[in-house]
Amino acid sequence: MQITKKDESLKLESFTITIYGEAGAGKTTLGNTAKNAIVFDFDEGHQRSKLSSDVFERVNYKEIATESKLRALLTGYDTIVIDTAGAMIDSIKDYLIEKKPQLATQKLQMYGEIKSEFTTFHKFIRSLGINIVFIMHSKETFEGEMRRLKPLAEGSSYDQIIAKSDMIGYLHKDSAGNTIIDFNAYDWKVGKNSAELAPYAIPHYSEMGMLLQQIIDDTKEAFNQNRISQAQAIDTIKATIREAHNLQSVDEFNAFFEALQAKGLGKGEKTQIWNALLNHAINSGLEFDTKEKAFKGIAA
């Protein structure tokens, strides 16, 4: 067991990204721009890709259902591209029915078995330190009169893929006709942007280079930096609150308050420190005058 200190890099070895969009958007082509990638082609769509990497063609889940087979296939690779995740779920379903024919008529039990199989598959690949890229088609849904786009997957499988994905990006053309991948969530589309990345412009495939690898590297760096920044912010809050608890005179409280306003702290950080400062002031027989923006003694 290894413990990572709060102020240390998390050393994220691998992560899961979902890329979805309409047919012909360039999802598989983008998937081929990751370093040392292998494509598991469940949907027979690799032949339409403008770029190529190693590919396991016409995959049947039965062929990869054991850890030993998966380990052998993935040795030497850094990223596995599942094309498409929806077709993989269908293949898992066929595999399970072959093992247990009764599942064909037991819908709820089937969903549970698919969830278990998918979770095991995902967990094992992540344990190998290999990135997972799920390629998915998009689906148009309506919530009242609101049109919304989301990845296409059957039933509860959609929830599983969403839950397992660290990042979810929609690949499409923007209003200016430029192809972009955007990980942000909006009312009109599903997204997950844990790394807070800006949208990426997708160039012509001849100039794409290792774009997906850049996105992977940017995501890992952002995750690690966010963790360190959060730890530093917590330490700052604790140290400042300790300083506030040592204040005694009204002049000290007011000087501290003025210094707090000048500090480059976020709203959440200032709120926590202010609450501690105000409680200590009240316990010290002081009150805060909201008009004068200053502490003073409580009038008798």
C-alpha atoms as a PDB file:
ATOM      1  CA  MET A   1       0.000   0.000   0.000  1.00  0.00           C
ATOM      2  CA  GLN A   2       1.282   3.464  -0.966  1.00  0.00           C
ATOM      3  CA  ILE A   3       0.108   6.700   0.655  1.00  0.00           C
ATOM      4  CA  THR A   4       0.360   9.893  -1.384  1.00  0.00           C
ATOM      5  CA  LYS A   5       0.724  12.998   0.757  1.00  0.00           C
ATOM      6  CA  LYS A   6      -1.802  15.775   0.133  1.00  0.00           C
ATOM      7  CA  ASP A   7       0.891  18.140  -1.188  1.00  0.00           C
ATOM      8  CA  GLU A   8       2.437  15.543  -3.497  1.00  0.00           C
ATOM      9  CA  SER A   9       1.572  14.760  -7.092  1.00  0.00           C
ATOM     10  CA  LEU A  10      -1.063  12.032  -7.286  1.00  0.00           C
ATOM     11  CA  LYS A  11       1.031  10.296  -9.964  1.00  0.00           C
ATOM     12  CA  LEU A  12      -2.022   9.498 -12.063  1.00  0.00           C
ATOM     13  CA  GLU A  13      -0.947   6.475 -14.105  1.00  0.00           C
ATOM     14  CA  SER A  14      -4.000   6.179 -16.328  1.00  0.00           C
ATOM     15  CA  PHE A  15      -7.419   7.611 -16.850  1.00  0.00           C
ATOM     16  CA  THR A  16     -10.600   7.113 -18.867  1.00  0.00           C
ATOM     17  CA  ILE A  17     -11.821   9.495 -21.536  1.00  0.00           C
ATOM     18  CA  THR A  18     -15.021   9.296 -23.572  1.00  0.00           C
ATOM     19  CA  ILE A  19     -15.210  10.952 -26.994  1.00  0.00           C
ATOM     20  CA  TYR A  20     -18.605  11.133 -28.640  1.00  0.00           C
ATOM     21  CA  GLY A  21     -20.059  12.760 -31.730  1.00  0.00           C
ATOM     22  CA  GLU A  22     -21.933  12.182 -34.947  1.00  0.00           C
ATOM     23  CA  ALA A  23     -20.827   9.672 -37.573  1.00  0.00           C
ATOM     24  CA  GLY A  24     -17.955  11.058 -39.635  1.00  0.00           C
ATOM     25  CA  ALA A  25     -16.916  13.630 -37.031  1.00  0.00           C
ATOM     26  CA  GLY A  26     -13.430  12.110 -36.778  1.00  0.00           C
ATOM     27  CA  LYS A  27     -13.716  10.282 -33.453  1.00  0.00           C
ATOM     28  CA  THR A  28     -11.700   7.227 -34.468  1.00  0.00           C
ATOM     29  CA  THR A  29      -9.123   9.366 -36.266  1.00  0.00           C
ATOM     30  CA  LEU A  30      -8.597  11.362 -33.068  1.00  0.00           C
ATOM     31  CA  GLY A  31      -8.412   8.099 -31.108  1.00  0.00           C
ATOM     32  CA  ASN A  32      -5.452   7.076 -33.228  1.00  0.00           C
ATOM     33  CA  THR A  33      -3.370  10.041 -32.066  1.00  0.00           C
ATOM     34  CA  ALA A  34      -2.565   8.598 -28.644  1.00  0.00           C
ATOM     35  CA  LYS A  35       0.900   7.185 -27.953  1.00  0.00           C
ATOM     36  CA  ASN A  36       1.284   3.405 -28.310  1.00  0.00           C
ATOM     37  CA  ALA A  37      -2.438   2.922 -28.850  1.00  0.00           C
ATOM     38  CA  ILE A  38      -4.329  -0.186 -29.875  1.00  0.00           C
ATOM     39  CA  VAL A  39      -7.880   0.031 -31.201  1.00  0.00           C
ATOM     40  CA  PHE A  40     -10.393  -2.662 -30.277  1.00  0.00           C
ATOM     41  CA  ASP A  41     -12.720  -2.337 -33.271  1.00  0.00           C
ATOM     42  CA  PHE A  42     -16.124  -3.644 -32.165  1.00  0.00           C
ATOM     43  CA  ASP A  43     -17.961  -1.518 -34.725  1.00  0.00           C
ATOM     44  CA  GLU A  44     -15.904  -2.183 -37.873  1.00  0.00           C
ATOM     45  CA  GLY A  45     -15.302   1.530 -38.169  1.00  0.00           C
ATOM     46  CA  HIS A  46     -11.513   1.606 -38.146  1.00  0.00           C
ATOM     47  CA  GLN A  47     -11.355   1.318 -41.924  1.00  0.00           C
ATOM     48  CA  ARG A  48     -12.917   4.794 -42.176  1.00  0.00           C
ATOM     49  CA  SER A  49     -10.260   6.404 -39.985  1.00  0.00           C
ATOM     50  CA  LYS A  50      -7.870   8.849 -41.652  1.00  0.00           C
ATOM     51  CA  LEU A  51      -5.069   7.729 -39.331  1.00  0.00           C
ATOM     52  CA  SER A  52      -4.047   4.268 -38.190  1.00  0.00           C
ATOM     53  CA  SER A  53      -2.579   2.538 -35.187  1.00  0.00           C
ATOM     54  CA  ASP A  54      -2.540  -1.126 -34.240  1.00  0.00           C
ATOM     55  CA  VAL A  55      -6.046  -2.531 -34.438  1.00  0.00           C
ATOM     56  CA  PHE A  56      -7.784  -5.667 -33.189  1.00  0.00           C
ATOM     57  CA  GLU A  57     -10.388  -6.063 -35.926  1.00  0.00           C
ATOM     58  CA  ARG A  58     -13.946  -7.341 -35.518  1.00  0.00           C
ATOM     59  CA  VAL A  59     -13.534  -7.933 -31.803  1.00  0.00           C
ATOM     60  CA  ASN A  60     -15.866 -10.355 -30.101  1.00  0.00           C
ATOM     61  CA  TYR A  61     -15.958  -9.802 -26.342  1.00  0.00           C
ATOM     62  CA  LYS A  62     -15.666 -13.555 -25.850  1.00  0.00           C
ATOM     63  CA  GLU A  63     -12.110 -13.300 -27.226  1.00  0.00           C
ATOM     64  CA  ILE A  64     -11.033 -10.879 -24.486  1.00  0.00           C
ATOM     65  CA  ALA A  65     -13.199 -11.987 -21.559  1.00  0.00           C
ATOM     66  CA  THR A  66     -10.349 -13.315 -19.438  1.00  0.00           C
ATOM     67  CA  GLU A  67      -7.631 -11.292 -17.742  1.00  0.00           C
ATOM     68  CA  SER A  68      -4.884 -13.469 -19.185  1.00  0.00           C
ATOM     69  CA  LYS A  69      -6.055 -12.795 -22.762  1.00  0.00           C
ATOM     70  CA  LEU A  70      -6.387  -9.079 -22.113  1.00  0.00           C
ATOM     71  CA  ARG A  71      -2.986  -8.835 -20.469  1.00  0.00           C
ATOM     72  CA  ALA A  72      -1.336 -10.571 -23.425  1.00  0.00           C
ATOM     73  CA  LEU A  73      -3.094  -8.358 -25.979  1.00  0.00           C
ATOM     74  CA  LEU A  74      -2.274  -5.113 -24.177  1.00  0.00           C
ATOM     75  CA  THR A  75       1.376  -5.754 -23.352  1.00  0.00           C
ATOM     76  CA  GLY A  76       3.446  -2.866 -24.688  1.00  0.00           C
ATOM     77  CA  TYR A  77       0.520  -0.474 -25.167  1.00  0.00           C
ATOM     78  CA  ASP A  78      -0.229   2.723 -23.267  1.00  0.00           C
ATOM     79  CA  THR A  79      -3.785   3.322 -24.464  1.00  0.00           C
ATOM     80  CA  ILE A  80      -6.701   1.142 -25.526  1.00  0.00           C
ATOM     81  CA  VAL A  81      -9.335   2.705 -27.777  1.00  0.00           C
ATOM     82  CA  ILE A  82     -12.753   1.019 -27.578  1.00  0.00           C
ATOM     83  CA  ASP A  83     -14.573   1.700 -30.850  1.00  0.00           C
ATOM     84  CA  THR A  84     -17.401   1.908 -30.050  1.00  0.00           C
ATOM     85  CA  ALA A  85     -18.357   1.478 -26.402  1.00  0.00           C
ATOM     86  CA  GLY A  86     -21.966   0.867 -27.438  1.00  0.00           C
ATOM     87  CA  ALA A  87     -20.946  -1.992 -29.740  1.00  0.00           C
ATOM     88  CA  MET A  88     -18.761  -3.416 -26.968  1.00  0.00           C
ATOM     89  CA  ILE A  89     -21.768  -3.447 -24.605  1.00  0.00           C
ATOM     90  CA  ASP A  90     -23.748  -5.324 -27.261  1.00  0.00           C
ATOM     91  CA  SER A  91     -20.924  -7.846 -27.563  1.00  0.00           C
ATOM     92  CA  ILE A  92     -20.825  -8.283 -23.775  1.00  0.00           C
ATOM     93  CA  LYS A  93     -24.558  -8.940 -23.860  1.00  0.00           C
ATOM     94  CA  ASP A  94     -24.161 -11.645 -26.523  1.00  0.00           C
ATOM     95  CA  TYR A  95     -21.337 -13.214 -24.521  1.00  0.00           C
ATOM     96  CA  LEU A  96     -23.425 -13.321 -21.353  1.00  0.00           C
ATOM     97  CA  ILE A  97     -26.445 -14.834 -23.110  1.00  0.00           C
ATOM     98  CA  GLU A  98     -24.213 -17.523 -24.571  1.00  0.00           C
ATOM     99  CA  LYS A  99     -23.036 -18.343 -21.046  1.00  0.00           C
ATOM    100  CA  LYS A 100     -26.474 -18.014 -19.450  1.00  0.00           C
ATOM    101  CA  PRO A 101     -29.289 -18.302 -22.035  1.00  0.00           C
ATOM    102  CA  GLN A 102     -31.928 -17.441 -19.428  1.00  0.00           C
ATOM    103  CA  LEU A 103     -30.630 -13.864 -19.349  1.00  0.00           C
ATOM    104  CA  ALA A 104     -32.258 -13.261 -22.739  1.00  0.00           C
ATOM    105  CA  THR A 105     -35.629 -13.013 -20.979  1.00  0.00           C
ATOM    106  CA  GLN A 106     -34.454 -11.544 -17.667  1.00  0.00           C
ATOM    107  CA  LYS A 107     -33.900  -7.872 -18.399  1.00  0.00           C
ATOM    108  CA  LEU A 108     -33.043  -6.627 -14.920  1.00  0.00           C
ATOM    109  CA  GLN A 109     -30.648  -9.478 -14.225  1.00  0.00           C
ATOM    110  CA  MET A 110     -29.066  -8.897 -17.631  1.00  0.00           C
ATOM    111  CA  TYR A 111     -28.377  -5.257 -16.791  1.00  0.00           C
ATOM    112  CA  GLY A 112     -26.755  -6.338 -13.535  1.00  0.00           C
ATOM    113  CA  GLU A 113     -24.542  -8.884 -15.314  1.00  0.00           C
ATOM    114  CA  ILE A 114     -23.492  -6.325 -17.941  1.00  0.00           C
ATOM    115  CA  LYS A 115     -22.624  -3.829 -15.208  1.00  0.00           C
ATOM    116  CA  SER A 116     -20.512  -6.408 -13.389  1.00  0.00           C
ATOM    117  CA  GLU A 117     -18.683  -7.533 -16.552  1.00  0.00           C
ATOM    118  CA  PHE A 118     -18.042  -3.967 -17.713  1.00  0.00           C
ATOM    119  CA  THR A 119     -16.789  -2.893 -14.287  1.00  0.00           C
ATOM    120  CA  THR A 120     -14.395  -5.842 -14.117  1.00  0.00           C
ATOM    121  CA  PHE A 121     -13.076  -5.092 -17.617  1.00  0.00           C
ATOM    122  CA  HIS A 122     -12.538  -1.414 -16.854  1.00  0.00           C
ATOM    123  CA  LYS A 123     -10.939  -2.004 -13.453  1.00  0.00           C
ATOM    124  CA  PHE A 124      -8.486  -4.566 -14.809  1.00  0.00           C
ATOM    125  CA  ILE A 125      -7.262  -2.340 -17.645  1.00  0.00           C
ATOM    126  CA  ARG A 126      -6.802   0.598 -15.290  1.00  0.00           C
ATOM    127  CA  SER A 127      -4.849  -1.679 -12.954  1.00  0.00           C
ATOM    128  CA  LEU A 128      -2.378  -2.212 -15.806  1.00  0.00           C
ATOM    129  CA  GLY A 129      -1.732   1.546 -15.990  1.00  0.00           C
ATOM    130  CA  ILE A 130      -3.306   1.766 -19.444  1.00  0.00           C
ATOM    131  CA  ASN A 131      -5.487   4.676 -20.558  1.00  0.00           C
ATOM    132  CA  ILE A 132      -8.966   3.853 -21.833  1.00  0.00           C
ATOM    133  CA  VAL A 133     -10.629   5.826 -24.607  1.00  0.00           C
ATOM    134  CA  PHE A 134     -14.298   5.089 -25.257  1.00  0.00           C
ATOM    135  CA  ILE A 135     -15.471   6.152 -28.719  1.00  0.00           C
ATOM    136  CA  MET A 136     -19.237   6.633 -28.836  1.00  0.00           C
ATOM    137  CA  HIS A 137     -21.896   7.868 -31.218  1.00  0.00           C
ATOM    138  CA  SER A 138     -24.058  10.783 -30.117  1.00  0.00           C
ATOM    139  CA  LYS A 139     -27.760  10.607 -29.408  1.00  0.00           C
ATOM    140  CA  GLU A 140     -30.270  13.436 -29.508  1.00  0.00           C
ATOM    141  CA  THR A 141     -32.716  13.507 -26.603  1.00  0.00           C
ATOM    142  CA  PHE A 142     -35.394  15.930 -25.496  1.00  0.00           C
ATOM    143  CA  GLU A 143     -36.106  16.998 -21.931  1.00  0.00           C
ATOM    144  CA  GLY A 144     -39.358  18.885 -22.370  1.00  0.00           C
ATOM    145  CA  GLU A 145     -38.571  21.225 -25.250  1.00  0.00           C
ATOM    146  CA  MET A 146     -34.837  21.210 -24.490  1.00  0.00           C
ATOM    147  CA  ARG A 147     -32.723  19.380 -27.073  1.00  0.00           C
ATOM    148  CA  ARG A 148     -29.716  17.634 -25.527  1.00  0.00           C
ATOM    149  CA  LEU A 149     -26.903  15.532 -26.969  1.00  0.00           C
ATOM    150  CA  LYS A 150     -25.355  12.657 -25.077  1.00  0.00           C
ATOM    151  CA  PRO A 151     -23.291   9.510 -25.747  1.00  0.00           C
ATOM    152  CA  LEU A 152     -25.285   6.623 -27.194  1.00  0.00           C
ATOM    153  CA  ALA A 153     -25.447   3.524 -24.988  1.00  0.00           C
ATOM    154  CA  GLU A 154     -28.158   1.091 -24.002  1.00  0.00           C
ATOM    155  CA  GLY A 155     -30.015   1.444 -20.704  1.00  0.00           C
ATOM    156  CA  SER A 156     -27.955   1.457 -17.531  1.00  0.00           C
ATOM    157  CA  SER A 157     -24.755   0.965 -19.550  1.00  0.00           C
ATOM    158  CA  TYR A 158     -24.855   4.699 -20.238  1.00  0.00           C
ATOM    159  CA  ASP A 159     -24.680   5.445 -16.517  1.00  0.00           C
ATOM    160  CA  GLN A 160     -21.746   3.085 -16.103  1.00  0.00           C
ATOM    161  CA  ILE A 161     -19.713   4.701 -18.867  1.00  0.00           C
ATOM    162  CA  ILE A 162     -20.467   8.190 -17.585  1.00  0.00           C
ATOM    163  CA  ALA A 163     -19.487   7.202 -14.041  1.00  0.00           C
ATOM    164  CA  LYS A 164     -16.220   5.549 -15.115  1.00  0.00           C
ATOM    165  CA  SER A 165     -15.112   8.403 -17.385  1.00  0.00           C
ATOM    166  CA  ASP A 166     -12.769  11.036 -15.980  1.00  0.00           C
ATOM    167  CA  MET A 167     -13.378  13.250 -19.018  1.00  0.00           C
ATOM    168  CA  ILE A 168     -16.201  13.314 -21.580  1.00  0.00           C
ATOM    169  CA  GLY A 169     -15.755  15.363 -24.744  1.00  0.00           C
ATOM    170  CA  TYR A 170     -18.123  16.155 -27.598  1.00  0.00           C
ATOM    171  CA  LEU A 171     -16.434  16.253 -31.017  1.00  0.00           C
ATOM    172  CA  HIS A 172     -18.271  18.541 -33.436  1.00  0.00           C
ATOM    173  CA  LYS A 173     -18.152  21.580 -35.670  1.00  0.00           C
ATOM    174  CA  ASP A 174     -18.784  24.913 -33.966  1.00  0.00           C
ATOM    175  CA  SER A 175     -20.826  27.786 -35.365  1.00  0.00           C
ATOM    176  CA  ALA A 176     -17.807  28.964 -37.371  1.00  0.00           C
ATOM    177  CA  GLY A 177     -17.349  25.557 -38.989  1.00  0.00           C
ATOM    178  CA  ASN A 178     -14.251  24.638 -36.990  1.00  0.00           C
ATOM    179  CA  THR A 179     -13.950  21.102 -35.625  1.00  0.00           C
ATOM    180  CA  ILE A 180     -13.416  21.112 -31.865  1.00  0.00           C
ATOM    181  CA  ILE A 181     -13.626  18.775 -28.904  1.00  0.00           C
ATOM    182  CA  ASP A 182     -15.267  20.375 -25.890  1.00  0.00           C
ATOM    183  CA  PHE A 183     -15.316  18.680 -22.479  1.00  0.00           C
ATOM    184  CA  ASN A 184     -17.554  21.231 -20.775  1.00  0.00           C
ATOM    185  CA  ALA A 185     -21.130  20.332 -19.858  1.00  0.00           C
ATOM    186  CA  TYR A 186     -23.927  22.579 -21.067  1.00  0.00           C
ATOM    187  CA  ASP A 187     -27.708  22.447 -21.118  1.00  0.00           C
ATOM    188  CA  TRP A 188     -27.549  21.204 -24.700  1.00  0.00           C
ATOM    189  CA  LYS A 189     -24.874  18.520 -24.285  1.00  0.00           C
ATOM    190  CA  VAL A 190     -23.318  16.087 -21.827  1.00  0.00           C
ATOM    191  CA  GLY A 191     -19.733  16.715 -20.792  1.00  0.00           C
ATOM    192  CA  LYS A 192     -17.295  16.111 -17.964  1.00  0.00           C
ATOM    193  CA  ASN A 193     -14.315  18.390 -17.547  1.00  0.00           C
ATOM    194  CA  SER A 194     -12.625  17.365 -14.310  1.00  0.00           C
ATOM    195  CA  ALA A 195      -9.339  18.865 -15.519  1.00  0.00           C
ATOM    196  CA  GLU A 196     -10.984  22.189 -16.501  1.00  0.00           C
ATOM    197  CA  LEU A 197      -9.474  22.071 -19.994  1.00  0.00           C
ATOM    198  CA  ALA A 198     -10.385  24.600 -22.680  1.00  0.00           C
ATOM    199  CA  PRO A 199     -11.833  23.227 -25.943  1.00  0.00           C
ATOM    200  CA  TYR A 200      -9.258  21.891 -28.402  1.00  0.00           C
ATOM    201  CA  ALA A 201      -9.283  22.833 -32.055  1.00  0.00           C
ATOM    202  CA  ILE A 202      -8.984  19.743 -34.272  1.00  0.00           C
ATOM    203  CA  PRO A 203      -6.768  20.417 -37.297  1.00  0.00           C
ATOM    204  CA  HIS A 204      -6.728  18.510 -40.566  1.00  0.00           C
ATOM    205  CA  TYR A 205      -5.676  14.923 -39.917  1.00  0.00           C
ATOM    206  CA  SER A 206      -2.375  15.519 -41.723  1.00  0.00           C
ATOM    207  CA  GLU A 207      -1.491  18.077 -39.037  1.00  0.00           C
ATOM    208  CA  MET A 208      -3.066  16.341 -36.054  1.00  0.00           C
ATOM    209  CA  GLY A 209       0.148  14.818 -34.746  1.00  0.00           C
ATOM    210  CA  MET A 210      -0.330  13.250 -31.300  1.00  0.00           C
ATOM    211  CA  LEU A 211      -3.285  15.433 -30.316  1.00  0.00           C
ATOM    212  CA  LEU A 212      -5.079  12.889 -28.135  1.00  0.00           C
ATOM    213  CA  GLN A 213      -1.820  12.197 -26.306  1.00  0.00           C
ATOM    214  CA  GLN A 214      -1.525  15.933 -25.667  1.00  0.00           C
ATOM    215  CA  ILE A 215      -5.060  15.916 -24.199  1.00  0.00           C
ATOM    216  CA  ILE A 216      -4.158  12.906 -22.029  1.00  0.00           C
ATOM    217  CA  ASP A 217      -0.966  14.566 -20.801  1.00  0.00           C
ATOM    218  CA  ASP A 218      -2.729  17.895 -20.174  1.00  0.00           C
ATOM    219  CA  THR A 219      -5.414  16.088 -18.168  1.00  0.00           C
ATOM    220  CA  LYS A 220      -2.935  14.240 -15.982  1.00  0.00           C
ATOM    221  CA  GLU A 221      -0.964  17.429 -15.347  1.00  0.00           C
ATOM    222  CA  ALA A 222      -4.137  19.344 -14.462  1.00  0.00           C
ATOM    223  CA  PHE A 223      -5.303  16.622 -12.057  1.00  0.00           C
ATOM    224  CA  ASN A 224      -1.977  16.634 -10.262  1.00  0.00           C
ATOM    225  CA  GLN A 225      -1.711  20.436 -10.138  1.00  0.00           C
ATOM    226  CA  ASN A 226      -5.280  20.777  -8.855  1.00  0.00           C
ATOM    227  CA  ARG A 227      -4.528  18.358  -6.044  1.00  0.00           C
ATOM    228  CA  ILE A 228      -1.418  20.281  -5.009  1.00  0.00           C
ATOM    229  CA  SER A 229      -3.220  23.643  -5.267  1.00  0.00           C
ATOM    230  CA  GLN A 230      -6.091  22.390  -3.117  1.00  0.00           C
ATOM    231  CA  ALA A 231      -3.683  21.141  -0.467  1.00  0.00           C
ATOM    232  CA  GLN A 232      -1.853  24.474  -0.444  1.00  0.00           C
ATOM    233  CA  ALA A 233      -5.163  26.349  -0.112  1.00  0.00           C
ATOM    234  CA  ILE A 234      -6.169  24.205   2.882  1.00  0.00           C
ATOM    235  CA  ASP A 235      -2.817  24.859   4.551  1.00  0.00           C
ATOM    236  CA  THR A 236      -3.224  28.601   3.961  1.00  0.00           C
ATOM    237  CA  ILE A 237      -6.695  28.589   5.518  1.00  0.00           C
ATOM    238  CA  LYS A 238      -5.518  26.665   8.585  1.00  0.00           C
ATOM    239  CA  ALA A 239      -2.480  28.898   9.116  1.00  0.00           C
ATOM    240  CA  THR A 240      -4.522  32.093   8.740  1.00  0.00           C
ATOM    241  CA  ILE A 241      -7.204  30.869  11.153  1.00  0.00           C
ATOM    242  CA  ARG A 242      -4.504  30.032  13.716  1.00  0.00           C
ATOM    243  CA  GLU A 243      -3.210  33.579  13.317  1.00  0.00           C
ATOM    244  CA  ALA A 244      -6.731  34.977  13.795  1.00  0.00           C
ATOM    245  CA  HIS A 245      -7.186  33.018  17.026  1.00  0.00           C
ATOM    246  CA  ASN A 246      -4.160  34.846  18.513  1.00  0.00           C
ATOM    247  CA  LEU A 247      -5.712  38.291  18.043  1.00  0.00           C
ATOM    248  CA  GLN A 248      -6.557  40.171  21.233  1.00  0.00           C
ATOM    249  CA  SER A 249      -7.092  43.926  20.825  1.00  0.00           C
ATOM    250  CA  VAL A 250      -9.604  45.627  18.564  1.00  0.00           C
ATOM    251  CA  ASP A 251      -6.712  47.226  16.661  1.00  0.00           C
ATOM    252  CA  GLU A 252      -5.258  43.783  15.965  1.00  0.00           C
ATOM    253  CA  PHE A 253      -8.624  42.537  14.691  1.00  0.00           C
ATOM    254  CA  ASN A 254      -9.037  45.516  12.350  1.00  0.00           C
ATOM    255  CA  ALA A 255      -5.496  45.250  11.030  1.00  0.00           C
ATOM    256  CA  PHE A 256      -6.039  41.544  10.392  1.00  0.00           C
ATOM    257  CA  PHE A 257      -9.341  42.263   8.633  1.00  0.00           C
ATOM    258  CA  GLU A 258      -7.719  44.839   6.319  1.00  0.00           C
ATOM    259  CA  ALA A 259      -4.883  42.441   5.507  1.00  0.00           C
ATOM    260  CA  LEU A 260      -7.391  39.651   4.778  1.00  0.00           C
ATOM    261  CA  GLN A 261      -9.164  41.807   2.178  1.00  0.00           C
ATOM    262  CA  ALA A 262      -5.870  42.468   0.433  1.00  0.00           C
ATOM    263  CA  LYS A 263      -4.870  38.811   0.222  1.00  0.00           C
ATOM    264  CA  GLY A 264      -5.320  37.103  -3.104  1.00  0.00           C
ATOM    265  CA  LEU A 265      -7.597  34.415  -1.738  1.00  0.00           C
ATOM    266  CA  GLY A 266     -10.634  32.848  -3.328  1.00  0.00           C
ATOM    267  CA  LYS A 267     -14.146  33.559  -2.090  1.00  0.00           C
ATOM    268  CA  GLY A 268     -14.429  30.159  -0.396  1.00  0.00           C
ATOM    269  CA  GLU A 269     -11.123  30.596   1.418  1.00  0.00           C
ATOM    270  CA  LYS A 270     -12.003  34.092   2.635  1.00  0.00           C
ATOM    271  CA  THR A 271     -15.427  32.911   3.825  1.00  0.00           C
ATOM    272  CA  GLN A 272     -13.935  30.174   6.011  1.00  0.00           C
ATOM    273  CA  ILE A 273     -11.364  32.549   7.514  1.00  0.00           C
ATOM    274  CA  TRP A 274     -13.955  35.293   8.043  1.00  0.00           C
ATOM    275  CA  ASN A 275     -16.306  32.942   9.891  1.00  0.00           C
ATOM    276  CA  ALA A 276     -13.492  31.920  12.240  1.00  0.00           C
ATOM    277  CA  LEU A 277     -12.431  35.556  12.709  1.00  0.00           C
ATOM    278  CA  LEU A 278     -15.974  36.711  13.495  1.00  0.00           C
ATOM    279  CA  ASN A 279     -16.581  33.904  16.010  1.00  0.00           C
ATOM    280  CA  HIS A 280     -13.299  34.720  17.781  1.00  0.00           C
ATOM    281  CA  ALA A 281     -14.200  38.423  17.826  1.00  0.00           C
ATOM    282  CA  ILE A 282     -17.606  37.734  19.402  1.00  0.00           C
ATOM    283  CA  ASN A 283     -15.995  35.501  22.018  1.00  0.00           C
ATOM    284  CA  SER A 284     -13.554  38.347  22.696  1.00  0.00           C
ATOM    285  CA  GLY A 285     -16.363  40.825  23.361  1.00  0.00           C
ATOM    286  CA  LEU A 286     -16.249  42.558  19.977  1.00  0.00           C
ATOM    287  CA  GLU A 287     -18.707  43.085  17.161  1.00  0.00           C
ATOM    288  CA  PHE A 288     -18.359  44.015  13.499  1.00  0.00           C
ATOM    289  CA  ASP A 289     -19.836  47.303  12.323  1.00  0.00           C
ATOM    290  CA  THR A 290     -21.079  46.586   8.786  1.00  0.00           C
ATOM    291  CA  LYS A 291     -21.349  50.315   7.946  1.00  0.00           C
ATOM    292  CA  GLU A 292     -17.853  51.267   9.052  1.00  0.00           C
ATOM    293  CA  LYS A 293     -16.408  47.891   8.031  1.00  0.00           C
ATOM    294  CA  ALA A 294     -14.523  47.603  11.297  1.00  0.00           C
ATOM    295  CA  PHE A 295     -14.549  45.783  14.614  1.00  0.00           C
ATOM    296  CA  LYS A 296     -15.443  47.622  17.806  1.00  0.00           C
ATOM    297  CA  GLY A 297     -16.323  46.871  21.379  1.00  0.00           C
ATOM    298  CA  ILE A 298     -19.869  45.780  22.086  1.00  0.00           C
ATOM    299  CA  ALA A 299     -21.827  48.696  23.534  1.00  0.00           C
ATOM    300  CA  ALA A 300     -23.020  48.160  27.095  1.00  0.00           C
END
